[in-house]
PDB file of N, CA and C in Angstrom:
ATOM      1  N   MET A   1      13.280  -8.501 -19.011  1.00  0.00           N
ATOM      2  CA  MET A   1      13.149  -8.632 -17.403  1.00  0.00           C
ATOM      3  C   MET A   1      13.085 -10.081 -17.026  1.00  0.00           C
ATOM      4  N   PRO A   2      13.802 -10.548 -15.928  1.00  0.00           N
ATOM      5  CA  PRO A   2      13.552 -11.286 -15.487  1.00  0.00           C
ATOM      6  C   PRO A   2      12.342 -12.151 -14.934  1.00  0.00           C
ATOM      7  N   ARG A   3      12.131 -13.369 -15.162  1.00  0.00           N
ATOM      8  CA  ARG A   3      10.930 -14.129 -14.927  1.00  0.00           C
ATOM      9  C   ARG A   3      10.517 -13.962 -13.045  1.00  0.00           C
ATOM     10  N   ALA A   4       9.388 -13.677 -12.646  1.00  0.00           N
ATOM     11  CA  ALA A   4       8.918 -13.942 -11.484  1.00  0.00           C
ATOM     12  C   ALA A   4       9.252 -14.927 -10.796  1.00  0.00           C
ATOM     13  N   LYS A   5       9.766 -14.978  -9.646  1.00  0.00           N
ATOM     14  CA  LYS A   5       9.869 -16.370  -9.139  1.00  0.00           C
ATOM     15  C   LYS A   5       8.668 -16.679  -7.959  1.00  0.00           C
ATOM     16  N   ALA A   6       8.362 -17.947  -8.129  1.00  0.00           N
ATOM     17  CA  ALA A   6       7.471 -17.939  -7.064  1.00  0.00           C
ATOM     18  C   ALA A   6       7.645 -17.865  -6.016  1.00  0.00           C
ATOM     19  N   HIS A   7       7.058 -16.895  -4.695  1.00  0.00           N
ATOM     20  CA  HIS A   7       7.359 -16.940  -3.679  1.00  0.00           C
ATOM     21  C   HIS A   7       6.604 -17.698  -2.421  1.00  0.00           C
ATOM     22  N   SER A   8       6.833 -17.678  -1.461  1.00  0.00           N
ATOM     23  CA  SER A   8       6.414 -18.342  -0.388  1.00  0.00           C
ATOM     24  C   SER A   8       5.889 -17.370   0.602  1.00  0.00           C
ATOM     25  N   LYS A   9       5.035 -17.805   0.819  1.00  0.00           N
ATOM     26  CA  LYS A   9       3.836 -16.701   1.906  1.00  0.00           C
ATOM     27  C   LYS A   9       4.111 -17.329   2.848  1.00  0.00           C
ATOM     28  N   LYS A  10       4.740 -17.009   4.233  1.00  0.00           N
ATOM     29  CA  LYS A  10       4.725 -17.537   5.401  1.00  0.00           C
ATOM     30  C   LYS A  10       3.483 -16.829   6.396  1.00  0.00           C
ATOM     31  N   PRO A  11       3.193 -17.744   7.249  1.00  0.00           N
ATOM     32  CA  PRO A  11       2.022 -17.061   7.865  1.00  0.00           C
ATOM     33  C   PRO A  11       2.671 -15.912   8.810  1.00  0.00           C
ATOM     34  N   SER A  12       2.078 -14.729   8.571  1.00  0.00           N
ATOM     35  CA  SER A  12       2.641 -13.595   9.271  1.00  0.00           C
ATOM     36  C   SER A  12       1.486 -12.758   9.793  1.00  0.00           C
ATOM     37  N   SER A  13       1.777 -12.128  11.037  1.00  0.00           N
ATOM     38  CA  SER A  13       1.254 -11.282  11.551  1.00  0.00           C
ATOM     39  C   SER A  13       0.937 -10.262  10.837  1.00  0.00           C
ATOM     40  N   LYS A  14       1.423  -9.597   9.491  1.00  0.00           N
ATOM     41  CA  LYS A  14       1.188  -8.654   9.154  1.00  0.00           C
ATOM     42  C   LYS A  14      -0.058  -9.100   8.106  1.00  0.00           C
ATOM     43  N   LEU A  15      -0.582 -10.205   8.131  1.00  0.00           N
ATOM     44  CA  LEU A  15      -1.638 -10.454   7.248  1.00  0.00           C
ATOM     45  C   LEU A  15      -2.937  -9.881   7.789  1.00  0.00           C
ATOM     46  N   PRO A  16      -3.946  -9.688   7.159  1.00  0.00           N
ATOM     47  CA  PRO A  16      -5.204  -9.276   8.130  1.00  0.00           C
ATOM     48  C   PRO A  16      -5.699 -10.368   9.007  1.00  0.00           C
ATOM     49  N   ASN A  17      -6.334 -10.316   9.868  1.00  0.00           N
ATOM     50  CA  ASN A  17      -6.874 -11.305  10.409  1.00  0.00           C
ATOM     51  C   ASN A  17      -7.853 -11.989   9.925  1.00  0.00           C
ATOM     52  N   THR A  18      -8.789 -10.939   9.058  1.00  0.00           N
ATOM     53  CA  THR A  18      -9.743 -11.919   8.467  1.00  0.00           C
ATOM     54  C   THR A  18      -9.053 -12.949   7.666  1.00  0.00           C
ATOM     55  N   PHE A  19      -8.293 -12.636   7.113  1.00  0.00           N
ATOM     56  CA  PHE A  19      -7.511 -13.516   6.249  1.00  0.00           C
ATOM     57  C   PHE A  19      -6.902 -14.749   6.540  1.00  0.00           C
ATOM     58  N   ARG A  20      -6.474 -14.306   7.786  1.00  0.00           N
ATOM     59  CA  ARG A  20      -5.510 -15.606   8.788  1.00  0.00           C
ATOM     60  C   ARG A  20      -6.841 -16.400   9.445  1.00  0.00           C
ATOM     61  N   ASN A  21      -7.908 -15.896   9.545  1.00  0.00           N
ATOM     62  CA  ASN A  21      -8.946 -16.774  10.157  1.00  0.00           C
ATOM     63  C   ASN A  21      -9.771 -17.700   9.285  1.00  0.00           C
ATOM     64  N   PHE A  22      -9.808 -17.161   8.313  1.00  0.00           N
ATOM     65  CA  PHE A  22     -10.706 -17.708   6.772  1.00  0.00           C
ATOM     66  C   PHE A  22      -9.551 -18.787   6.598  1.00  0.00           C
ATOM     67  N   VAL A  23      -8.488 -18.619   6.273  1.00  0.00           N
ATOM     68  CA  VAL A  23      -7.477 -19.763   5.947  1.00  0.00           C
ATOM     69  C   VAL A  23      -7.382 -21.056   7.346  1.00  0.00           C
ATOM     70  N   ALA A  24      -7.392 -20.705   8.247  1.00  0.00           N
ATOM     71  CA  ALA A  24      -7.372 -21.325   9.538  1.00  0.00           C
ATOM     72  C   ALA A  24      -8.494 -22.200   9.275  1.00  0.00           C
ATOM     73  N   LYS A  25     -10.070 -21.830   9.054  1.00  0.00           N
ATOM     74  CA  LYS A  25     -11.094 -22.361   9.169  1.00  0.00           C
ATOM     75  C   LYS A  25     -11.156 -23.244   7.963  1.00  0.00           C
ATOM     76  N   TYR A  26     -10.379 -22.844   6.498  1.00  0.00           N
ATOM     77  CA  TYR A  26     -10.694 -23.260   5.223  1.00  0.00           C
ATOM     78  C   TYR A  26      -9.121 -23.830   4.828  1.00  0.00           C
ATOM     79  N   PRO A  27      -8.185 -24.547   5.559  1.00  0.00           N
ATOM     80  CA  PRO A  27      -7.304 -24.705   4.824  1.00  0.00           C
ATOM     81  C   PRO A  27      -6.921 -25.009   3.483  1.00  0.00           C
ATOM     82  N   LYS A  28      -7.558 -25.932   3.111  1.00  0.00           N
ATOM     83  CA  LYS A  28      -7.680 -26.399   1.615  1.00  0.00           C
ATOM     84  C   LYS A  28      -7.788 -25.374   0.496  1.00  0.00           C
ATOM     85  N   LEU A  29      -8.944 -24.090   0.910  1.00  0.00           N
ATOM     86  CA  LEU A  29      -8.857 -23.312   0.249  1.00  0.00           C
ATOM     87  C   LEU A  29      -7.827 -22.159   0.371  1.00  0.00           C
ATOM     88  N   GLY A  30      -7.066 -22.274   1.234  1.00  0.00           N
ATOM     89  CA  GLY A  30      -5.944 -21.254   1.642  1.00  0.00           C
ATOM     90  C   GLY A  30      -5.001 -21.784   0.946  1.00  0.00           C
ATOM     91  N   GLU A  31      -4.676 -23.274   0.924  1.00  0.00           N
ATOM     92  CA  GLU A  31      -3.657 -23.762   0.068  1.00  0.00           C
ATOM     93  C   GLU A  31      -3.985 -23.638  -1.761  1.00  0.00           C
ATOM     94  N   ALA A  32      -5.201 -23.678  -2.080  1.00  0.00           N
ATOM     95  CA  ALA A  32      -5.576 -23.439  -3.256  1.00  0.00           C
ATOM     96  C   ALA A  32      -5.086 -22.165  -3.757  1.00  0.00           C
ATOM     97  N   HIS A  33      -5.728 -21.230  -2.993  1.00  0.00           N
ATOM     98  CA  HIS A  33      -5.190 -19.701  -3.141  1.00  0.00           C
ATOM     99  C   HIS A  33      -3.973 -19.593  -3.180  1.00  0.00           C
ATOM    100  N   GLU A  34      -2.956 -19.958  -2.449  1.00  0.00           N
ATOM    101  CA  GLU A  34      -1.295 -19.928  -2.489  1.00  0.00           C
ATOM    102  C   GLU A  34      -1.266 -20.574  -3.832  1.00  0.00           C
ATOM    103  N   MET A  35      -1.405 -21.840  -4.250  1.00  0.00           N
ATOM    104  CA  MET A  35      -0.945 -22.307  -5.193  1.00  0.00           C
ATOM    105  C   MET A  35      -1.416 -21.583  -6.614  1.00  0.00           C
ATOM    106  N   ALA A  36      -2.587 -21.140  -6.732  1.00  0.00           N
ATOM    107  CA  ALA A  36      -2.949 -20.287  -7.975  1.00  0.00           C
ATOM    108  C   ALA A  36      -1.876 -18.994  -7.864  1.00  0.00           C
ATOM    109  N   ALA A  37      -1.567 -18.365  -6.796  1.00  0.00           N
ATOM    110  CA  ALA A  37      -0.860 -17.355  -6.757  1.00  0.00           C
ATOM    111  C   ALA A  37       0.532 -17.606  -7.168  1.00  0.00           C
ATOM    112  N   LYS A  38       1.264 -18.467  -6.800  1.00  0.00           N
ATOM    113  CA  LYS A  38       2.466 -18.993  -7.269  1.00  0.00           C
ATOM    114  C   LYS A  38       2.465 -19.334  -8.842  1.00  0.00           C
ATOM    115  N   THR A  39       1.314 -19.975  -9.290  1.00  0.00           N
ATOM    116  CA  THR A  39       1.224 -20.248 -10.581  1.00  0.00           C
ATOM    117  C   THR A  39       1.191 -18.898 -11.544  1.00  0.00           C
ATOM    118  N   VAL A  40       0.366 -17.942 -11.348  1.00  0.00           N
ATOM    119  CA  VAL A  40       0.124 -16.790 -11.931  1.00  0.00           C
ATOM    120  C   VAL A  40       1.598 -15.874 -11.610  1.00  0.00           C
ATOM    121  N   ASP A  41       2.271 -16.005 -10.606  1.00  0.00           N
ATOM    122  CA  ASP A  41       3.623 -15.160 -10.448  1.00  0.00           C
ATOM    123  C   ASP A  41       4.689 -15.709 -11.274  1.00  0.00           C
ATOM    124  N   ALA A  42       4.403 -17.026 -11.568  1.00  0.00           N
ATOM    125  CA  ALA A  42       5.641 -17.627 -12.505  1.00  0.00           C
ATOM    126  C   ALA A  42       4.925 -17.843 -14.035  1.00  0.00           C
ATOM    127  N   ALA A  43       4.007 -17.425 -14.027  1.00  0.00           N
ATOM    128  CA  ALA A  43       3.391 -17.357 -15.713  1.00  0.00           C
ATOM    129  C   ALA A  43       3.775 -16.717 -16.779  1.00  0.00           C
ATOM    130  N   GLY A  44       4.749 -15.564 -16.340  1.00  0.00           N
ATOM    131  CA  GLY A  44       5.454 -14.701 -17.410  1.00  0.00           C
ATOM    132  C   GLY A  44       6.678 -14.091 -17.347  1.00  0.00           C
ATOM    133  N   PRO A  45       6.667 -13.172 -18.122  1.00  0.00           N
ATOM    134  CA  PRO A  45       8.215 -12.581 -18.096  1.00  0.00           C
ATOM    135  C   PRO A  45       8.117 -11.366 -16.722  1.00  0.00           C
ATOM    136  N   LEU A  46       7.563 -10.747 -16.356  1.00  0.00           N
ATOM    137  CA  LEU A  46       7.380  -9.899 -15.383  1.00  0.00           C
ATOM    138  C   LEU A  46       8.195 -10.140 -13.993  1.00  0.00           C
ATOM    139  N   ASP A  47       9.180  -9.079 -13.878  1.00  0.00           N
ATOM    140  CA  ASP A  47       9.828  -9.427 -12.458  1.00  0.00           C
ATOM    141  C   ASP A  47       8.635  -9.305 -11.338  1.00  0.00           C
ATOM    142  N   ARG A  48       9.351  -9.436 -10.035  1.00  0.00           N
ATOM    143  CA  ARG A  48       8.434  -9.278  -8.874  1.00  0.00           C
ATOM    144  C   ARG A  48       7.992  -7.741  -8.723  1.00  0.00           C
ATOM    145  N   LYS A  49       8.940  -6.581  -8.874  1.00  0.00           N
ATOM    146  CA  LYS A  49       8.310  -5.552  -8.574  1.00  0.00           C
ATOM    147  C   LYS A  49       7.223  -4.949  -9.561  1.00  0.00           C
ATOM    148  N   THR A  50       7.600  -5.443 -10.835  1.00  0.00           N
ATOM    149  CA  THR A  50       6.526  -5.107 -11.762  1.00  0.00           C
ATOM    150  C   THR A  50       5.220  -5.715 -11.546  1.00  0.00           C
ATOM    151  N   CYS A  51       5.493  -7.007 -11.199  1.00  0.00           N
ATOM    152  CA  CYS A  51       3.943  -7.668 -10.628  1.00  0.00           C
ATOM    153  C   CYS A  51       3.574  -6.965  -9.391  1.00  0.00           C
ATOM    154  N   ALA A  52       4.238  -6.485  -8.477  1.00  0.00           N
ATOM    155  CA  ALA A  52       3.571  -5.687  -7.260  1.00  0.00           C
ATOM    156  C   ALA A  52       2.884  -4.773  -7.861  1.00  0.00           C
ATOM    157  N   LEU A  53       3.595  -3.814  -8.735  1.00  0.00           N
ATOM    158  CA  LEU A  53       3.014  -2.634  -9.117  1.00  0.00           C
ATOM    159  C   LEU A  53       1.501  -2.765  -9.704  1.00  0.00           C
ATOM    160  N   VAL A  54       1.520  -3.837 -10.640  1.00  0.00           N
ATOM    161  CA  VAL A  54       0.213  -3.991 -11.524  1.00  0.00           C
ATOM    162  C   VAL A  54      -0.788  -4.452 -10.424  1.00  0.00           C
ATOM    163  N   LYS A  55      -0.332  -5.621  -9.463  1.00  0.00           N
ATOM    164  CA  LYS A  55      -1.473  -5.404  -8.480  1.00  0.00           C
ATOM    165  C   LYS A  55      -1.811  -4.446  -7.366  1.00  0.00           C
ATOM    166  N   ILE A  56      -1.159  -3.545  -7.583  1.00  0.00           N
ATOM    167  CA  ILE A  56      -1.549  -2.134  -6.973  1.00  0.00           C
ATOM    168  C   ILE A  56      -2.804  -1.691  -7.804  1.00  0.00           C
ATOM    169  N   GLY A  57      -2.204  -1.516  -8.939  1.00  0.00           N
ATOM    170  CA  GLY A  57      -3.273  -1.016 -10.023  1.00  0.00           C
ATOM    171  C   GLY A  57      -4.453  -1.483 -10.229  1.00  0.00           C
ATOM    172  N   ILE A  58      -4.402  -2.904 -10.230  1.00  0.00           N
ATOM    173  CA  ILE A  58      -5.820  -3.504  -9.928  1.00  0.00           C
ATOM    174  C   ILE A  58      -6.649  -3.162  -8.880  1.00  0.00           C
ATOM    175  N   CYS A  59      -6.089  -3.544  -7.717  1.00  0.00           N
ATOM    176  CA  CYS A  59      -6.661  -2.972  -6.553  1.00  0.00           C
ATOM    177  C   CYS A  59      -7.004  -1.701  -6.493  1.00  0.00           C
ATOM    178  N   VAL A  60      -6.769  -0.490  -7.240  1.00  0.00           N
ATOM    179  CA  VAL A  60      -7.137   0.581  -7.078  1.00  0.00           C
ATOM    180  C   VAL A  60      -8.463   0.698  -8.026  1.00  0.00           C
ATOM    181  N   GLY A  61      -8.268  -0.375  -8.872  1.00  0.00           N
ATOM    182  CA  GLY A  61      -9.586  -0.255 -10.160  1.00  0.00           C
ATOM    183  C   GLY A  61     -11.044  -0.721  -9.142  1.00  0.00           C
ATOM    184  N   ALA A  62     -10.407  -2.069  -9.005  1.00  0.00           N
ATOM    185  CA  ALA A  62     -11.437  -2.840  -7.811  1.00  0.00           C
ATOM    186  C   ALA A  62     -11.926  -2.064  -6.282  1.00  0.00           C
ATOM    187  N   GLY A  63     -10.883  -1.146  -6.013  1.00  0.00           N
ATOM    188  CA  GLY A  63     -11.623  -0.061  -4.819  1.00  0.00           C
ATOM    189  C   GLY A  63     -11.097  -1.444  -3.970  1.00  0.00           C
ATOM    190  N   LEU A  64     -10.391  -2.238  -3.737  1.00  0.00           N
ATOM    191  CA  LEU A  64      -9.803  -2.872  -2.694  1.00  0.00           C
ATOM    192  C   LEU A  64      -9.253  -2.374  -1.660  1.00  0.00           C
ATOM    193  N   GLU A  65      -9.274  -1.697  -0.534  1.00  0.00           N
ATOM    194  CA  GLU A  65      -8.669  -1.327   0.309  1.00  0.00           C
ATOM    195  C   GLU A  65      -7.614  -2.233   1.202  1.00  0.00           C
ATOM    196  N   SER A  66      -8.132  -3.288   1.672  1.00  0.00           N
ATOM    197  CA  SER A  66      -7.293  -3.909   2.352  1.00  0.00           C
ATOM    198  C   SER A  66      -6.032  -4.467   1.369  1.00  0.00           C
ATOM    199  N   ALA A  67      -6.825  -4.976   0.270  1.00  0.00           N
ATOM    200  CA  ALA A  67      -5.642  -5.681  -0.868  1.00  0.00           C
ATOM    201  C   ALA A  67      -4.725  -4.927  -1.305  1.00  0.00           C
ATOM    202  N   LEU A  68      -4.822  -3.315  -1.180  1.00  0.00           N
ATOM    203  CA  LEU A  68      -3.985  -2.414  -1.761  1.00  0.00           C
ATOM    204  C   LEU A  68      -3.124  -2.279  -0.501  1.00  0.00           C
ATOM    205  N   ARG A  69      -3.244  -2.242   0.570  1.00  0.00           N
ATOM    206  CA  ARG A  69      -2.885  -1.962   1.643  1.00  0.00           C
ATOM    207  C   ARG A  69      -1.516  -3.202   1.633  1.00  0.00           C
ATOM    208  N   SER A  70      -1.815  -4.087   1.621  1.00  0.00           N
ATOM    209  CA  SER A  70      -1.038  -5.756   1.529  1.00  0.00           C
ATOM    210  C   SER A  70       0.141  -5.456   0.378  1.00  0.00           C
ATOM    211  N   HIS A  71      -0.671  -5.069  -0.799  1.00  0.00           N
ATOM    212  CA  HIS A  71       0.130  -5.058  -2.063  1.00  0.00           C
ATOM    213  C   HIS A  71       1.365  -4.046  -1.753  1.00  0.00           C
ATOM    214  N   VAL A  72       0.812  -2.799  -1.231  1.00  0.00           N
ATOM    215  CA  VAL A  72       1.780  -1.777  -0.946  1.00  0.00           C
ATOM    216  C   VAL A  72       3.034  -2.088   0.136  1.00  0.00           C
ATOM    217  N   ARG A  73       2.494  -2.859   0.856  1.00  0.00           N
ATOM    218  CA  ARG A  73       3.418  -3.442   2.064  1.00  0.00           C
ATOM    219  C   ARG A  73       4.302  -4.241   1.161  1.00  0.00           C
ATOM    220  N   ARG A  74       3.976  -5.160   0.507  1.00  0.00           N
ATOM    221  CA  ARG A  74       4.505  -6.306  -0.452  1.00  0.00           C
ATOM    222  C   ARG A  74       5.574  -5.593  -1.016  1.00  0.00           C
ATOM    223  N   ALA A  75       5.192  -4.496  -1.836  1.00  0.00           N
ATOM    224  CA  ALA A  75       6.012  -3.788  -2.790  1.00  0.00           C
ATOM    225  C   ALA A  75       7.219  -3.084  -2.194  1.00  0.00           C
ATOM    226  N   LEU A  76       6.821  -2.519  -0.876  1.00  0.00           N
ATOM    227  CA  LEU A  76       7.827  -1.711  -0.197  1.00  0.00           C
ATOM    228  C   LEU A  76       9.164  -3.103   0.171  1.00  0.00           C
ATOM    229  N   GLU A  77       8.630  -4.369   0.604  1.00  0.00           N
ATOM    230  CA  GLU A  77       9.338  -5.127   1.059  1.00  0.00           C
ATOM    231  C   GLU A  77      10.426  -5.384  -0.003  1.00  0.00           C
ATOM    232  N   LEU A  78       9.786  -5.442  -1.499  1.00  0.00           N
ATOM    233  CA  LEU A  78      10.780  -5.979  -2.485  1.00  0.00           C
ATOM    234  C   LEU A  78      11.419  -4.770  -2.912  1.00  0.00           C
ATOM    235  N   GLY A  79      11.654  -3.580  -2.330  1.00  0.00           N
ATOM    236  CA  GLY A  79      12.566  -2.458  -2.719  1.00  0.00           C
ATOM    237  C   GLY A  79      11.649  -1.452  -3.574  1.00  0.00           C
ATOM    238  N   VAL A  80      10.479  -1.665  -3.646  1.00  0.00           N
ATOM    239  CA  VAL A  80       9.759  -0.427  -4.961  1.00  0.00           C
ATOM    240  C   VAL A  80       9.660   0.783  -4.403  1.00  0.00           C
ATOM    241  N   THR A  81      10.280   1.908  -5.113  1.00  0.00           N
ATOM    242  CA  THR A  81      10.015   3.340  -4.195  1.00  0.00           C
ATOM    243  C   THR A  81       8.536   3.483  -4.105  1.00  0.00           C
ATOM    244  N   ARG A  82       8.574   4.430  -3.209  1.00  0.00           N
ATOM    245  CA  ARG A  82       7.178   4.888  -2.899  1.00  0.00           C
ATOM    246  C   ARG A  82       6.741   6.106  -4.036  1.00  0.00           C
ATOM    247  N   LYS A  83       7.555   6.591  -4.964  1.00  0.00           N
ATOM    248  CA  LYS A  83       7.503   7.496  -5.984  1.00  0.00           C
ATOM    249  C   LYS A  83       6.702   6.249  -6.854  1.00  0.00           C
ATOM    250  N   SER A  84       7.135   5.251  -7.315  1.00  0.00           N
ATOM    251  CA  SER A  84       6.804   4.168  -8.052  1.00  0.00           C
ATOM    252  C   SER A  84       5.227   3.459  -7.837  1.00  0.00           C
ATOM    253  N   ILE A  85       4.918   3.656  -6.437  1.00  0.00           N
ATOM    254  CA  ILE A  85       3.743   2.735  -5.956  1.00  0.00           C
ATOM    255  C   ILE A  85       2.487   4.094  -6.321  1.00  0.00           C
ATOM    256  N   GLU A  86       3.325   5.286  -5.896  1.00  0.00           N
ATOM    257  CA  GLU A  86       2.327   6.428  -5.998  1.00  0.00           C
ATOM    258  C   GLU A  86       1.874   6.543  -8.126  1.00  0.00           C
ATOM    259  N   GLN A  87       2.873   6.320  -8.779  1.00  0.00           N
ATOM    260  CA  GLN A  87       2.742   6.520  -9.868  1.00  0.00           C
ATOM    261  C   GLN A  87       1.922   5.493 -10.357  1.00  0.00           C
ATOM    262  N   ALA A  88       1.723   4.385  -9.891  1.00  0.00           N
ATOM    263  CA  ALA A  88       0.714   3.011 -10.230  1.00  0.00           C
ATOM    264  C   ALA A  88      -0.596   3.242 -10.059  1.00  0.00           C
ATOM    265  N   ILE A  89      -0.829   4.250  -8.802  1.00  0.00           N
ATOM    266  CA  ILE A  89      -1.964   4.531  -8.187  1.00  0.00           C
ATOM    267  C   ILE A  89      -2.433   5.727  -9.076  1.00  0.00           C
ATOM    268  N   LEU A  90      -1.664   6.850  -9.279  1.00  0.00           N
ATOM    269  CA  LEU A  90      -2.011   8.056 -10.136  1.00  0.00           C
ATOM    270  C   LEU A  90      -2.272   7.504 -11.542  1.00  0.00           C
ATOM    271  N   LEU A  91      -1.929   6.131 -12.187  1.00  0.00           N
ATOM    272  CA  LEU A  91      -2.023   6.020 -13.973  1.00  0.00           C
ATOM    273  C   LEU A  91      -3.659   5.695 -13.926  1.00  0.00           C
ATOM    274  N   ALA A  92      -4.342   5.144 -12.589  1.00  0.00           N
ATOM    275  CA  ALA A  92      -5.845   4.607 -12.836  1.00  0.00           C
ATOM    276  C   ALA A  92      -6.827   5.992 -12.679  1.00  0.00           C
ATOM    277  N   MET A  93      -6.250   7.085 -12.792  1.00  0.00           N
ATOM    278  CA  MET A  93      -6.956   8.216 -12.437  1.00  0.00           C
ATOM    279  C   MET A  93      -8.102   8.614 -13.702  1.00  0.00           C
ATOM    280  N   ASN A  94      -7.300   8.431 -14.755  1.00  0.00           N
ATOM    281  CA  ASN A  94      -8.721   8.661 -15.711  1.00  0.00           C
ATOM    282  C   ASN A  94      -9.378   7.525 -16.204  1.00  0.00           C
ATOM    283  N   THR A  95      -9.013   6.401 -15.896  1.00  0.00           N
ATOM    284  CA  THR A  95      -9.858   5.117 -16.253  1.00  0.00           C
ATOM    285  C   THR A  95     -10.651   4.636 -15.133  1.00  0.00           C
ATOM    286  N   CYS A  96     -10.390   4.788 -14.035  1.00  0.00           N
ATOM    287  CA  CYS A  96     -11.243   4.598 -12.616  1.00  0.00           C
ATOM    288  C   CYS A  96     -11.785   5.583 -11.683  1.00  0.00           C
ATOM    289  N   GLY A  97     -11.013   7.010 -12.152  1.00  0.00           N
ATOM    290  CA  GLY A  97     -11.939   7.821 -11.487  1.00  0.00           C
ATOM    291  C   GLY A  97     -10.996   8.817 -10.168  1.00  0.00           C
ATOM    292  N   PHE A  98     -11.217   9.944 -10.555  1.00  0.00           N
ATOM    293  CA  PHE A  98     -10.417  10.843  -9.554  1.00  0.00           C
ATOM    294  C   PHE A  98     -10.595  10.609  -7.959  1.00  0.00           C
ATOM    295  N   PRO A  99     -11.882  10.345  -7.570  1.00  0.00           N
ATOM    296  CA  PRO A  99     -12.341   9.814  -6.028  1.00  0.00           C
ATOM    297  C   PRO A  99     -11.721   8.421  -5.560  1.00  0.00           C
ATOM    298  N   ARG A 100     -11.643   7.296  -6.688  1.00  0.00           N
ATOM    299  CA  ARG A 100     -10.933   6.134  -6.340  1.00  0.00           C
ATOM    300  C   ARG A 100      -9.666   6.364  -6.293  1.00  0.00           C
ATOM    301  N   THR A 101      -9.281   6.917  -6.958  1.00  0.00           N
ATOM    302  CA  THR A 101      -7.610   7.073  -7.041  1.00  0.00           C
ATOM    303  C   THR A 101      -7.219   7.967  -5.676  1.00  0.00           C
ATOM    304  N   VAL A 102      -8.099   8.667  -5.551  1.00  0.00           N
ATOM    305  CA  VAL A 102      -7.619   9.907  -4.263  1.00  0.00           C
ATOM    306  C   VAL A 102      -7.674   8.807  -3.306  1.00  0.00           C
ATOM    307  N   ALA A 103      -8.670   8.179  -2.799  1.00  0.00           N
ATOM    308  CA  ALA A 103      -9.003   7.242  -1.603  1.00  0.00           C
ATOM    309  C   ALA A 103      -7.786   6.081  -1.886  1.00  0.00           C
ATOM    310  N   ALA A 104      -7.618   5.492  -2.865  1.00  0.00           N
ATOM    311  CA  ALA A 104      -6.406   4.654  -3.108  1.00  0.00           C
ATOM    312  C   ALA A 104      -4.827   5.301  -2.539  1.00  0.00           C
ATOM    313  N   TRP A 105      -4.849   6.421  -3.328  1.00  0.00           N
ATOM    314  CA  TRP A 105      -3.779   7.307  -2.776  1.00  0.00           C
ATOM    315  C   TRP A 105      -3.422   7.326  -1.283  1.00  0.00           C
ATOM    316  N   GLN A 106      -4.752   7.985  -0.504  1.00  0.00           N
ATOM    317  CA  GLN A 106      -4.233   8.073   0.830  1.00  0.00           C
ATOM    318  C   GLN A 106      -4.236   6.528   1.697  1.00  0.00           C
ATOM    319  N   TRP A 107      -4.933   5.540   1.088  1.00  0.00           N
ATOM    320  CA  TRP A 107      -4.609   4.326   1.731  1.00  0.00           C
ATOM    321  C   TRP A 107      -3.229   3.691   1.701  1.00  0.00           C
ATOM    322  N   ALA A 108      -2.577   4.119   0.564  1.00  0.00           N
ATOM    323  CA  ALA A 108      -1.208   3.856   0.431  1.00  0.00           C
ATOM    324  C   ALA A 108      -0.236   4.694   1.443  1.00  0.00           C
ATOM    325  N   ARG A 109      -0.420   5.999   1.440  1.00  0.00           N
ATOM    326  CA  ARG A 109       0.255   6.728   2.192  1.00  0.00           C
ATOM    327  C   ARG A 109      -0.058   6.327   3.787  1.00  0.00           C
ATOM    328  N   GLU A 110      -0.868   5.888   4.019  1.00  0.00           N
ATOM    329  CA  GLU A 110      -0.980   5.357   5.495  1.00  0.00           C
ATOM    330  C   GLU A 110      -0.175   3.827   5.614  1.00  0.00           C
ATOM    331  N   GLN A 111      -0.255   3.393   4.590  1.00  0.00           N
ATOM    332  CA  GLN A 111       0.460   2.038   4.843  1.00  0.00           C
ATOM    333  C   GLN A 111       2.050   2.433   4.611  1.00  0.00           C
ATOM    334  N   VAL A 112       2.386   3.172   3.774  1.00  0.00           N
ATOM    335  CA  VAL A 112       3.656   3.571   3.702  1.00  0.00           C
ATOM    336  C   VAL A 112       4.255   4.048   5.380  1.00  0.00           C
ATOM    337  N   LYS A 113       3.357   4.883   5.866  1.00  0.00           N
ATOM    338  CA  LYS A 113       3.399   5.528   7.304  1.00  0.00           C
ATOM    339  C   LYS A 113       3.821   4.263   8.172  1.00  0.00           C
ATOM    340  N   ARG A 114       2.711   3.237   7.926  1.00  0.00           N
ATOM    341  CA  ARG A 114       3.179   2.066   9.007  1.00  0.00           C
ATOM    342  C   ARG A 114       4.559   1.494   8.709  1.00  0.00           C
ATOM    343  N   GLY A 115       4.640   1.663   7.582  1.00  0.00           N
ATOM    344  CA  GLY A 115       6.110   0.813   7.344  1.00  0.00           C
ATOM    345  C   GLY A 115       5.713  -0.388   6.898  1.00  0.00           C
ATOM    346  N   LYS A 116       6.752  -1.524   6.610  1.00  0.00           N
ATOM    347  CA  LYS A 116       7.083  -2.644   6.104  1.00  0.00           C
ATOM    348  C   LYS A 116       6.182  -3.609   7.139  1.00  0.00           C
TER     349      LYS A 116
END
């Protein structure tokens, strides 16, 4: 698999207002967050699509609705299929539980309906 390339996150209206407001108030923390994200993305052999699916799984396990929606949107932008996103979520069922998996599945469905 090709190594993940660091990506630049442009300020986007797609980003949650809370995130944009936080970074506006604490720009150095926003820069540190961005630097850590780029460093982690480039740290190993996983391609960007695989990283996107892993991040979705992490969000399911942690119960992070807004992060899951964000990573679903990013995965779609990378060309990850809806079926692959669903499988990444379903893989969490035995480890994270049925209720958390169903909730994440619904969050992802809503994000897919919204589009990229």
